[in-house]
PDB file of N, CA and C in Angstrom:
ATOM      1  N   MET A   1     -83.544 -47.288  -2.018  1.00  0.00           N
ATOM      2  CA  MET A   1     -83.322 -46.470  -3.141  1.00  0.00           C
ATOM      3  C   MET A   1     -83.840 -44.981  -3.024  1.00  0.00           C
ATOM      4  N   GLY A   2     -83.097 -44.270  -3.451  1.00  0.00           N
ATOM      5  CA  GLY A   2     -82.973 -42.724  -3.547  1.00  0.00           C
ATOM      6  C   GLY A   2     -83.436 -42.057  -4.646  1.00  0.00           C
ATOM      7  N   ILE A   3     -83.290 -40.574  -4.488  1.00  0.00           N
ATOM      8  CA  ILE A   3     -83.224 -39.776  -5.475  1.00  0.00           C
ATOM      9  C   ILE A   3     -82.224 -39.941  -6.568  1.00  0.00           C
ATOM     10  N   GLY A   4     -81.095 -40.132  -6.367  1.00  0.00           N
ATOM     11  CA  GLY A   4     -80.064 -40.594  -7.519  1.00  0.00           C
ATOM     12  C   GLY A   4     -80.184 -41.739  -7.918  1.00  0.00           C
ATOM     13  N   ASP A   5     -80.817 -42.919  -7.420  1.00  0.00           N
ATOM     14  CA  ASP A   5     -81.354 -44.204  -7.993  1.00  0.00           C
ATOM     15  C   ASP A   5     -82.478 -44.043  -9.235  1.00  0.00           C
ATOM     16  N   ALA A   6     -83.332 -42.951  -8.470  1.00  0.00           N
ATOM     17  CA  ALA A   6     -84.425 -43.060  -9.402  1.00  0.00           C
ATOM     18  C   ALA A   6     -83.980 -42.088 -10.809  1.00  0.00           C
ATOM     19  N   LEU A   7     -83.183 -40.901 -10.554  1.00  0.00           N
ATOM     20  CA  LEU A   7     -82.730 -40.543 -11.780  1.00  0.00           C
ATOM     21  C   LEU A   7     -81.930 -41.291 -12.784  1.00  0.00           C
ATOM     22  N   LEU A   8     -81.037 -42.073 -12.045  1.00  0.00           N
ATOM     23  CA  LEU A   8     -80.188 -42.972 -12.861  1.00  0.00           C
ATOM     24  C   LEU A   8     -81.017 -43.983 -13.798  1.00  0.00           C
ATOM     25  N   GLU A   9     -82.110 -44.392 -13.085  1.00  0.00           N
ATOM     26  CA  GLU A   9     -83.108 -45.227 -13.749  1.00  0.00           C
ATOM     27  C   GLU A   9     -83.951 -44.616 -14.974  1.00  0.00           C
ATOM     28  N   VAL A  10     -84.159 -43.291 -14.831  1.00  0.00           N
ATOM     29  CA  VAL A  10     -84.894 -42.609 -15.854  1.00  0.00           C
ATOM     30  C   VAL A  10     -84.075 -41.706 -16.932  1.00  0.00           C
ATOM     31  N   ARG A  11     -82.995 -41.409 -16.388  1.00  0.00           N
ATOM     32  CA  ARG A  11     -82.178 -40.533 -17.425  1.00  0.00           C
ATOM     33  C   ARG A  11     -80.746 -40.998 -17.650  1.00  0.00           C
ATOM     34  N   GLY A  12     -80.637 -42.048 -16.858  1.00  0.00           N
ATOM     35  CA  GLY A  12     -79.119 -43.041 -17.145  1.00  0.00           C
ATOM     36  C   GLY A  12     -77.993 -42.267 -16.738  1.00  0.00           C
ATOM     37  N   ARG A  13     -78.121 -41.377 -15.981  1.00  0.00           N
ATOM     38  CA  ARG A  13     -77.138 -40.495 -15.381  1.00  0.00           C
ATOM     39  C   ARG A  13     -77.294 -40.259 -13.904  1.00  0.00           C
ATOM     40  N   PRO A  14     -76.297 -39.946 -13.072  1.00  0.00           N
ATOM     41  CA  PRO A  14     -76.373 -39.633 -11.843  1.00  0.00           C
ATOM     42  C   PRO A  14     -77.330 -38.222 -11.666  1.00  0.00           C
ATOM     43  N   SER A  15     -77.836 -38.081 -10.595  1.00  0.00           N
ATOM     44  CA  SER A  15     -78.677 -36.830 -10.418  1.00  0.00           C
ATOM     45  C   SER A  15     -77.932 -35.572 -10.315  1.00  0.00           C
ATOM     46  N   THR A  16     -78.384 -34.360 -10.489  1.00  0.00           N
ATOM     47  CA  THR A  16     -77.447 -32.931 -10.592  1.00  0.00           C
ATOM     48  C   THR A  16     -77.783 -32.782  -8.959  1.00  0.00           C
ATOM     49  N   PRO A  17     -76.841 -31.753  -8.565  1.00  0.00           N
ATOM     50  CA  PRO A  17     -77.266 -31.047  -7.254  1.00  0.00           C
ATOM     51  C   PRO A  17     -78.646 -30.225  -7.241  1.00  0.00           C
ATOM     52  N   LEU A  18     -79.168 -29.864  -8.497  1.00  0.00           N
ATOM     53  CA  LEU A  18     -80.447 -29.072  -8.487  1.00  0.00           C
ATOM     54  C   LEU A  18     -81.420 -30.135  -8.317  1.00  0.00           C
ATOM     55  N   GLU A  19     -81.372 -31.202  -8.969  1.00  0.00           N
ATOM     56  CA  GLU A  19     -82.251 -32.265  -9.029  1.00  0.00           C
ATOM     57  C   GLU A  19     -82.413 -32.890  -7.452  1.00  0.00           C
ATOM     58  N   GLN A  20     -81.209 -33.005  -6.951  1.00  0.00           N
ATOM     59  CA  GLN A  20     -81.313 -33.530  -5.597  1.00  0.00           C
ATOM     60  C   GLN A  20     -82.026 -32.294  -4.672  1.00  0.00           C
ATOM     61  N   ALA A  21     -81.828 -31.163  -4.802  1.00  0.00           N
ATOM     62  CA  ALA A  21     -82.424 -30.127  -4.030  1.00  0.00           C
ATOM     63  C   ALA A  21     -84.161 -30.063  -4.257  1.00  0.00           C
ATOM     64  N   THR A  22     -84.383 -30.345  -5.618  1.00  0.00           N
ATOM     65  CA  THR A  22     -85.695 -30.090  -5.744  1.00  0.00           C
ATOM     66  C   THR A  22     -86.558 -31.383  -5.435  1.00  0.00           C
ATOM     67  N   TRP A  23     -85.998 -32.615  -5.078  1.00  0.00           N
ATOM     68  CA  TRP A  23     -86.663 -33.717  -4.713  1.00  0.00           C
ATOM     69  C   TRP A  23     -86.627 -33.936  -3.302  1.00  0.00           C
ATOM     70  N   ASP A  24     -85.261 -33.330  -2.732  1.00  0.00           N
ATOM     71  CA  ASP A  24     -85.241 -33.567  -1.330  1.00  0.00           C
ATOM     72  C   ASP A  24     -86.252 -33.168  -0.169  1.00  0.00           C
ATOM     73  N   PRO A  25     -86.693 -32.107  -0.400  1.00  0.00           N
ATOM     74  CA  PRO A  25     -87.759 -31.867   0.603  1.00  0.00           C
ATOM     75  C   PRO A  25     -89.137 -32.835   0.518  1.00  0.00           C
ATOM     76  N   GLN A  26     -89.383 -33.232  -0.661  1.00  0.00           N
ATOM     77  CA  GLN A  26     -90.633 -34.095  -0.636  1.00  0.00           C
ATOM     78  C   GLN A  26     -90.155 -35.506  -0.171  1.00  0.00           C
ATOM     79  N   VAL A  27     -89.092 -36.064  -0.434  1.00  0.00           N
ATOM     80  CA  VAL A  27     -88.634 -37.166   0.081  1.00  0.00           C
ATOM     81  C   VAL A  27     -88.597 -36.973   1.852  1.00  0.00           C
ATOM     82  N   LYS A  28     -87.774 -36.181   2.049  1.00  0.00           N
ATOM     83  CA  LYS A  28     -87.811 -35.887   3.598  1.00  0.00           C
ATOM     84  C   LYS A  28     -89.159 -35.943   4.525  1.00  0.00           C
ATOM     85  N   ALA A  29     -90.226 -35.140   3.507  1.00  0.00           N
ATOM     86  CA  ALA A  29     -91.541 -35.078   4.150  1.00  0.00           C
ATOM     87  C   ALA A  29     -92.385 -36.494   3.922  1.00  0.00           C
ATOM     88  N   GLY A  30     -91.898 -37.548   3.263  1.00  0.00           N
ATOM     89  CA  GLY A  30     -92.565 -38.582   3.223  1.00  0.00           C
ATOM     90  C   GLY A  30     -93.217 -38.602   2.030  1.00  0.00           C
ATOM     91  N   LYS A  31     -93.313 -37.547   1.014  1.00  0.00           N
ATOM     92  CA  LYS A  31     -94.357 -37.484   0.025  1.00  0.00           C
ATOM     93  C   LYS A  31     -93.784 -38.054  -1.331  1.00  0.00           C
ATOM     94  N   ALA A  32     -92.338 -38.476  -1.294  1.00  0.00           N
ATOM     95  CA  ALA A  32     -91.934 -38.861  -2.538  1.00  0.00           C
ATOM     96  C   ALA A  32     -91.001 -39.813  -2.135  1.00  0.00           C
ATOM     97  N   TRP A  33     -90.793 -40.972  -2.977  1.00  0.00           N
ATOM     98  CA  TRP A  33     -89.659 -41.910  -2.947  1.00  0.00           C
ATOM     99  C   TRP A  33     -89.369 -42.542  -4.277  1.00  0.00           C
ATOM    100  N   PHE A  34     -88.784 -43.704  -4.559  1.00  0.00           N
ATOM    101  CA  PHE A  34     -88.419 -43.825  -5.689  1.00  0.00           C
ATOM    102  C   PHE A  34     -89.476 -44.130  -6.685  1.00  0.00           C
ATOM    103  N   ALA A  35     -90.573 -44.753  -6.503  1.00  0.00           N
ATOM    104  CA  ALA A  35     -91.455 -44.798  -7.689  1.00  0.00           C
ATOM    105  C   ALA A  35     -92.092 -43.913  -8.002  1.00  0.00           C
ATOM    106  N   PRO A  36     -92.607 -42.826  -7.289  1.00  0.00           N
ATOM    107  CA  PRO A  36     -92.996 -41.530  -7.620  1.00  0.00           C
ATOM    108  C   PRO A  36     -92.136 -40.555  -8.382  1.00  0.00           C
ATOM    109  N   ILE A  37     -90.949 -40.786  -7.897  1.00  0.00           N
ATOM    110  CA  ILE A  37     -89.934 -40.063  -8.643  1.00  0.00           C
ATOM    111  C   ILE A  37     -89.683 -40.530 -10.034  1.00  0.00           C
ATOM    112  N   VAL A  38     -89.522 -41.795 -10.188  1.00  0.00           N
ATOM    113  CA  VAL A  38     -89.416 -42.352 -11.525  1.00  0.00           C
ATOM    114  C   VAL A  38     -90.556 -41.838 -12.268  1.00  0.00           C
ATOM    115  N   SER A  39     -91.667 -41.928 -11.918  1.00  0.00           N
ATOM    116  CA  SER A  39     -93.014 -41.855 -12.613  1.00  0.00           C
ATOM    117  C   SER A  39     -92.988 -40.315 -13.000  1.00  0.00           C
ATOM    118  N   LYS A  40     -92.819 -39.469 -12.070  1.00  0.00           N
ATOM    119  CA  LYS A  40     -92.870 -38.030 -12.591  1.00  0.00           C
ATOM    120  C   LYS A  40     -91.697 -37.651 -13.577  1.00  0.00           C
ATOM    121  N   GLU A  41     -90.459 -38.161 -13.154  1.00  0.00           N
ATOM    122  CA  GLU A  41     -89.442 -37.906 -14.063  1.00  0.00           C
ATOM    123  C   GLU A  41     -89.535 -38.256 -15.542  1.00  0.00           C
ATOM    124  N   ARG A  42     -90.172 -39.583 -15.524  1.00  0.00           N
ATOM    125  CA  ARG A  42     -90.427 -40.161 -16.929  1.00  0.00           C
ATOM    126  C   ARG A  42     -91.612 -39.349 -17.528  1.00  0.00           C
ATOM    127  N   THR A  43     -92.376 -38.955 -17.060  1.00  0.00           N
ATOM    128  CA  THR A  43     -93.538 -37.866 -17.316  1.00  0.00           C
ATOM    129  C   THR A  43     -92.915 -36.573 -17.959  1.00  0.00           C
ATOM    130  N   GLN A  44     -92.032 -35.927 -17.034  1.00  0.00           N
ATOM    131  CA  GLN A  44     -91.415 -34.865 -17.680  1.00  0.00           C
ATOM    132  C   GLN A  44     -90.492 -34.996 -19.060  1.00  0.00           C
ATOM    133  N   LEU A  45     -89.767 -36.140 -18.773  1.00  0.00           N
ATOM    134  CA  LEU A  45     -88.857 -36.417 -19.797  1.00  0.00           C
ATOM    135  C   LEU A  45     -89.733 -36.532 -21.371  1.00  0.00           C
ATOM    136  N   LYS A  46     -90.470 -37.492 -21.035  1.00  0.00           N
ATOM    137  CA  LYS A  46     -91.767 -37.558 -22.314  1.00  0.00           C
ATOM    138  C   LYS A  46     -92.078 -36.402 -22.790  1.00  0.00           C
ATOM    139  N   ALA A  47     -92.688 -35.467 -22.079  1.00  0.00           N
ATOM    140  CA  ALA A  47     -93.077 -34.199 -22.330  1.00  0.00           C
ATOM    141  C   ALA A  47     -92.058 -33.541 -23.152  1.00  0.00           C
ATOM    142  N   ALA A  48     -90.718 -33.282 -22.553  1.00  0.00           N
ATOM    143  CA  ALA A  48     -89.956 -32.637 -23.160  1.00  0.00           C
ATOM    144  C   ALA A  48     -89.557 -33.233 -24.636  1.00  0.00           C
ATOM    145  N   LEU A  49     -89.534 -34.534 -24.614  1.00  0.00           N
ATOM    146  CA  LEU A  49     -89.364 -35.112 -25.998  1.00  0.00           C
ATOM    147  C   LEU A  49     -90.128 -34.837 -27.044  1.00  0.00           C
ATOM    148  N   ILE A  50     -91.483 -35.059 -26.445  1.00  0.00           N
ATOM    149  CA  ILE A  50     -92.666 -34.526 -27.541  1.00  0.00           C
ATOM    150  C   ILE A  50     -92.459 -33.108 -27.832  1.00  0.00           C
ATOM    151  N   LYS A  51     -92.144 -32.089 -26.863  1.00  0.00           N
ATOM    152  CA  LYS A  51     -91.843 -30.856 -27.269  1.00  0.00           C
ATOM    153  C   LYS A  51     -90.778 -30.681 -28.410  1.00  0.00           C
ATOM    154  N   ALA A  52     -89.768 -31.361 -28.233  1.00  0.00           N
ATOM    155  CA  ALA A  52     -88.686 -31.364 -29.153  1.00  0.00           C
ATOM    156  C   ALA A  52     -88.966 -31.762 -30.453  1.00  0.00           C
ATOM    157  N   ALA A  53     -89.787 -32.916 -30.285  1.00  0.00           N
ATOM    158  CA  ALA A  53     -90.286 -33.433 -31.922  1.00  0.00           C
ATOM    159  C   ALA A  53     -91.215 -32.409 -32.448  1.00  0.00           C
ATOM    160  N   GLU A  54     -92.169 -31.853 -31.991  1.00  0.00           N
ATOM    161  CA  GLU A  54     -93.082 -31.029 -32.267  1.00  0.00           C
ATOM    162  C   GLU A  54     -92.358 -29.718 -32.745  1.00  0.00           C
ATOM    163  N   GLY A  55     -91.279 -29.353 -32.256  1.00  0.00           N
ATOM    164  CA  GLY A  55     -90.320 -28.263 -32.807  1.00  0.00           C
ATOM    165  C   GLY A  55     -89.660 -28.603 -34.246  1.00  0.00           C
ATOM    166  N   LYS A  56     -89.052 -29.904 -34.196  1.00  0.00           N
ATOM    167  CA  LYS A  56     -88.596 -30.251 -35.390  1.00  0.00           C
ATOM    168  C   LYS A  56     -89.790 -30.282 -36.441  1.00  0.00           C
ATOM    169  N   LEU A  57     -90.850 -30.713 -36.065  1.00  0.00           N
ATOM    170  CA  LEU A  57     -91.888 -31.083 -37.152  1.00  0.00           C
ATOM    171  C   LEU A  57     -92.262 -29.428 -37.613  1.00  0.00           C
ATOM    172  N   VAL A  58     -92.423 -28.506 -37.023  1.00  0.00           N
ATOM    173  CA  VAL A  58     -92.577 -27.106 -37.402  1.00  0.00           C
ATOM    174  C   VAL A  58     -91.362 -26.579 -38.107  1.00  0.00           C
ATOM    175  N   CYS A  59     -90.443 -26.816 -37.786  1.00  0.00           N
ATOM    176  CA  CYS A  59     -89.276 -26.518 -38.728  1.00  0.00           C
ATOM    177  C   CYS A  59     -89.381 -26.998 -40.085  1.00  0.00           C
ATOM    178  N   ALA A  60     -89.581 -28.492 -40.113  1.00  0.00           N
ATOM    179  CA  ALA A  60     -89.721 -29.091 -41.324  1.00  0.00           C
ATOM    180  C   ALA A  60     -91.081 -28.649 -42.203  1.00  0.00           C
ATOM    181  N   GLU A  61     -91.836 -28.301 -41.488  1.00  0.00           N
ATOM    182  CA  GLU A  61     -92.997 -27.581 -42.222  1.00  0.00           C
ATOM    183  C   GLU A  61     -92.721 -26.296 -42.761  1.00  0.00           C
ATOM    184  N   LEU A  62     -91.920 -25.641 -42.189  1.00  0.00           N
ATOM    185  CA  LEU A  62     -91.704 -24.140 -42.539  1.00  0.00           C
ATOM    186  C   LEU A  62     -90.389 -24.319 -43.778  1.00  0.00           C
ATOM    187  N   ALA A  63     -89.599 -25.216 -43.504  1.00  0.00           N
ATOM    188  CA  ALA A  63     -88.552 -25.361 -44.616  1.00  0.00           C
ATOM    189  C   ALA A  63     -89.096 -25.798 -45.870  1.00  0.00           C
ATOM    190  N   LYS A  64     -90.368 -26.407 -45.803  1.00  0.00           N
ATOM    191  CA  LYS A  64     -91.089 -27.151 -47.123  1.00  0.00           C
ATOM    192  C   LYS A  64     -91.824 -25.864 -47.738  1.00  0.00           C
ATOM    193  N   ALA A  65     -92.327 -24.865 -46.688  1.00  0.00           N
ATOM    194  CA  ALA A  65     -93.204 -23.780 -47.330  1.00  0.00           C
ATOM    195  C   ALA A  65     -92.211 -22.583 -48.068  1.00  0.00           C
ATOM    196  N   ILE A  66     -90.967 -22.777 -47.771  1.00  0.00           N
ATOM    197  CA  ILE A  66     -89.878 -21.833 -48.204  1.00  0.00           C
ATOM    198  C   ILE A  66     -89.370 -22.140 -49.764  1.00  0.00           C
TER     199      ILE A  66
END
């Protein structure tokens, strides 16, 4: 299982060339493999979703104030 499998597990799609290039040096150095990639990608995805949700809440609060 490699980078593509990990990204497919987390994001439900094949990895992009940029994602491959980002993870490839760590994989080649033996510092990343399926589980750490999945863990890091899930953390990043969760942070992005939280940030998006917070942005929507801010917009909703601003709309109420208007």
